[in-house]
């Protein structure tokens, strides 16, 4: 757990990259390091929503969102939202389109 101490001290890049061999307990410990804001975004990403949709839903500015996702990825040991779904979600979870994404603009 030395990586957690490095993470909070500002030294080091975070935990080692997650793998198929990591236990549920290890994944749970990584999730527990997320701040409240990171956890909220993680829940949407975990469900398969895109970063763009999550950013808009949470009302974040572009730079704030970038900082947020970098923190989530570093703490979870992943490189993308797809890896969150791959390593942290059940296999049947798919990336989904935001509600109303198939509707044409302007009410046509």
Protein backbone atom coordinates (compact mmCIF):
# COMPACT_ATOMS: atom_id res chain seq x y z
CA UNK A 1 0.00 0.00 0.00
CA UNK A 2 3.05 2.23 -0.27
CA UNK A 3 1.65 3.60 -3.53
CA UNK A 4 -1.26 5.15 -1.59
CA UNK A 5 1.17 7.03 0.64
CA UNK A 6 3.11 8.21 -2.45
CA UNK A 7 -0.16 9.22 -4.10
CA UNK A 8 -1.27 11.43 -1.21
CA UNK A 9 2.19 12.84 -0.62
CA UNK A 10 2.35 14.00 -4.23
CA UNK A 11 5.29 11.69 -4.97
CA UNK A 12 4.99 8.96 -7.56
CA UNK A 13 2.47 8.37 -10.29
CA UNK A 14 0.00 6.24 -8.36
CA UNK A 15 -0.64 2.52 -8.14
CA UNK A 16 0.70 0.00 -10.60
CA UNK A 17 -1.49 -0.63 -13.62
CA UNK A 18 -4.47 -2.86 -12.85
CA UNK A 19 -4.58 -6.34 -14.35
CA UNK A 20 -6.87 -9.34 -14.66
CA UNK A 21 -4.99 -10.87 -11.71
CA UNK A 22 -5.94 -8.15 -9.21
CA UNK A 23 -8.36 -9.32 -6.56
CA UNK A 24 -11.73 -7.78 -5.77
CA UNK A 25 -10.21 -6.55 -2.49
CA UNK A 26 -7.41 -4.74 -4.35
CA UNK A 27 -9.92 -3.15 -6.72
CA UNK A 28 -12.08 -2.11 -3.74
CA UNK A 29 -9.07 -0.53 -2.03
CA UNK A 30 -8.32 1.44 -5.19
CA UNK A 31 -11.93 2.65 -5.47
CA UNK A 32 -11.84 3.70 -1.80
CA UNK A 33 -9.04 6.19 -2.61
CA UNK A 34 -11.36 8.23 -4.89
CA UNK A 35 -12.64 11.59 -3.67
CA UNK A 36 -16.41 12.18 -3.59
CA UNK A 37 -16.27 14.02 -6.93
CA UNK A 38 -14.10 11.31 -8.49
CA UNK A 39 -16.42 8.62 -7.16
CA UNK A 40 -19.45 10.31 -8.72
CA UNK A 41 -17.72 10.49 -12.12
CA UNK A 42 -16.44 6.91 -11.70
CA UNK A 43 -20.01 5.66 -11.20
CA UNK A 44 -21.06 7.13 -14.57
CA UNK A 45 -17.94 5.82 -16.32
CA UNK A 46 -18.45 2.44 -14.66
CA UNK A 47 -21.94 2.31 -16.16
CA UNK A 48 -20.37 2.86 -19.57
CA UNK A 49 -21.18 6.53 -20.15
CA UNK A 50 -18.60 8.54 -22.05
CA UNK A 51 -16.27 11.11 -20.49
CA UNK A 52 -18.01 13.84 -22.50
CA UNK A 53 -21.47 12.87 -21.23
CA UNK A 54 -20.22 12.54 -17.66
CA UNK A 55 -18.49 15.93 -17.85
CA UNK A 56 -21.68 17.60 -19.07
CA UNK A 57 -23.87 15.79 -16.54
CA UNK A 58 -21.64 16.84 -13.65
CA UNK A 59 -21.44 20.41 -15.00
CA UNK A 60 -17.65 20.46 -15.16
CA UNK A 61 -15.39 22.80 -17.09
CA UNK A 62 -13.02 21.13 -19.55
CA UNK A 63 -9.89 21.63 -17.40
CA UNK A 64 -11.66 20.47 -14.23
CA UNK A 65 -12.87 17.36 -16.04
CA UNK A 66 -9.38 16.62 -17.35
CA UNK A 67 -7.94 16.88 -13.82
CA UNK A 68 -10.75 14.70 -12.49
CA UNK A 69 -10.27 11.90 -15.03
CA UNK A 70 -6.49 11.91 -14.68
CA UNK A 71 -6.94 11.46 -10.93
CA UNK A 72 -9.43 8.63 -11.37
CA UNK A 73 -7.29 6.80 -13.92
CA UNK A 74 -4.13 7.18 -11.84
CA UNK A 75 -5.77 5.95 -8.63
CA UNK A 76 -7.47 3.01 -10.35
CA UNK A 77 -4.40 2.08 -12.39
CA UNK A 78 -6.11 2.42 -15.78
CA UNK A 79 -5.53 4.53 -18.87
CA UNK A 80 -9.08 5.15 -20.08
CA UNK A 81 -12.77 4.86 -19.29
CA UNK A 82 -12.85 1.70 -21.40
CA UNK A 83 -10.32 0.13 -19.05
CA UNK A 84 -12.54 1.05 -16.09
CA UNK A 85 -15.35 -0.92 -17.68
CA UNK A 86 -13.00 -3.77 -18.64
CA UNK A 87 -11.34 -4.19 -15.25
CA UNK A 88 -13.96 -2.92 -12.80
CA UNK A 89 -17.33 -3.76 -14.36
CA UNK A 90 -19.03 -7.06 -15.18
CA UNK A 91 -18.40 -8.29 -18.70
CA UNK A 92 -21.99 -7.59 -19.81
CA UNK A 93 -21.61 -3.84 -19.24
CA UNK A 94 -21.40 -1.96 -22.54
CA UNK A 95 -20.72 1.65 -23.41
CA UNK A 96 -24.08 3.30 -23.86
CA UNK A 97 -25.24 6.40 -25.62
CA UNK A 98 -26.56 9.21 -23.42
CA UNK A 99 -30.36 9.35 -23.11
CA UNK A 100 -31.85 11.10 -26.13
CA UNK A 101 -28.66 10.83 -28.22
CA UNK A 102 -30.59 9.22 -31.10
CA UNK A 103 -33.15 12.02 -31.29
CA UNK A 104 -32.65 14.59 -34.02
CA UNK A 105 -31.85 18.13 -32.95
CA UNK A 106 -34.55 20.75 -33.21
CA UNK A 107 -37.41 18.33 -32.56
CA UNK A 108 -37.52 17.12 -36.15
